[in-house]
Protein backbone atom coordinates (compact mmCIF):
# COMPACT_ATOMS: atom_id res chain seq x y z
CA MET A 1 0.18 -0.05 -0.40
CA ASP A 2 1.62 3.39 -0.98
CA ASP A 3 -0.59 5.48 0.45
CA MET A 4 -0.60 7.31 4.16
CA LEU A 5 -0.67 5.75 7.62
CA ILE A 6 -1.26 7.62 10.62
CA ASN A 7 -0.71 5.74 13.20
CA ARG A 8 -2.83 7.56 16.89
CA ALA A 9 -2.33 7.96 20.59
CA ASP A 10 -6.06 6.28 20.92
CA ARG A 11 -4.76 3.59 19.54
CA THR A 12 -5.93 3.75 15.91
CA ILE A 13 -4.55 3.70 12.31
CA ASN A 14 -5.92 5.83 9.52
CA ILE A 15 -5.10 5.03 6.45
CA CYS A 16 -4.94 8.16 3.67
CA GLU A 17 -6.05 7.10 0.19
CA MET A 18 -5.35 9.33 -1.61
CA LYS A 19 -6.00 10.00 -4.94
CA PHE A 20 -4.55 13.34 -7.61
CA TRP A 21 -7.00 13.18 -11.27
CA ASN A 22 -7.15 16.10 -13.52
CA SER A 23 -10.84 16.15 -13.80
CA PRO A 24 -12.93 14.90 -11.25
CA TYR A 25 -13.53 11.47 -10.07
CA ALA A 26 -15.47 9.49 -8.44
CA MET A 27 -15.60 6.48 -5.77
CA THR A 28 -16.84 2.90 -7.50
CA ALA A 29 -18.19 0.04 -6.14
CA LYS A 30 -14.49 -1.52 -7.55
CA ASP A 31 -12.48 1.02 -5.92
CA GLU A 32 -14.76 0.37 -2.36
CA ASP A 33 -13.66 -3.37 -2.90
CA ASP A 34 -9.50 -2.91 -3.76
CA ILE A 35 -9.76 -0.51 -0.64
CA GLU A 36 -11.11 -2.54 1.65
CA ARG A 37 -9.30 -5.42 0.81
CA LYS A 38 -6.38 -3.04 1.07
CA VAL A 39 -7.33 -2.56 4.40
CA GLN A 40 -7.53 -6.03 5.58
CA ALA A 41 -3.96 -6.67 4.24
CA PHE A 42 -2.94 -4.76 6.11
CA ILE A 43 -4.92 -6.16 8.68
CA GLU A 44 -2.92 -9.42 8.84
CA ALA A 45 0.33 -7.65 7.94
CA THR A 46 0.26 -5.97 10.32
CA ASN A 47 -1.89 -8.23 12.97
CA THR A 48 -2.51 -4.83 14.95
CA ASP A 49 -5.97 -5.36 17.14
CA LYS A 50 -6.05 -1.17 17.10
CA ASN A 51 -8.85 0.18 14.72
CA VAL A 52 -8.10 1.00 11.57
CA ILE A 53 -9.96 3.79 9.56
CA VAL A 54 -9.51 4.43 5.86
CA THR A 55 -9.71 7.99 4.69
CA ARG A 56 -10.17 9.25 1.45
CA LYS A 57 -9.12 12.63 -0.39
CA SER A 58 -9.40 13.15 -3.74
CA GLN A 59 -7.14 16.39 -5.34
CA ILE A 60 -8.39 17.47 -8.39
CA VAL A 61 -4.61 18.43 -10.01
CA LEU A 62 -5.62 20.70 -12.51
CA SER A 63 -7.81 23.28 -10.93
CA PHE A 64 -5.08 23.02 -8.37
CA SER A 65 -2.74 24.12 -10.99
CA ARG A 66 -4.96 27.18 -12.49
CA ILE A 67 -5.24 28.30 -8.70
CA ALA A 68 -1.59 28.49 -8.51
CA LEU A 69 -1.63 30.35 -12.16
CA SER A 70 -3.26 32.81 -11.03
CA PHE A 71 -2.24 33.74 -8.32
CA GLN A 72 1.84 33.50 -10.31
CA LYS A 73 0.15 36.21 -12.33
CA ILE A 74 -1.45 38.26 -9.35
CA SER A 75 1.92 38.31 -7.74
CA ARG A 76 3.76 39.84 -10.56
CA GLU A 77 0.84 42.03 -11.73
CA PHE A 78 1.58 43.51 -8.07
CA SER A 79 4.62 43.38 -7.66
CA LYS A 80 4.77 46.07 -11.29
CA SER A 81 2.80 48.79 -9.46
CA GLN A 82 5.30 48.16 -6.53
């Protein structure tokens, strides 16, 4: 599993499932099944008795890039006005 793990002091492990796409993304039933298999494999491989919670995060890279480009443009225009 190449996602982020957070081993918390309250005997809980967050498995952060992160997706990066250049367009809107919707989870499918297959995605859910894949995540459940990953969680079960993690629990078995680590033999953990802690609570395991899946945290999902989806980032639309294209939108972030547009925001970054807009910020750069505004910064350049501000610098010119100074």
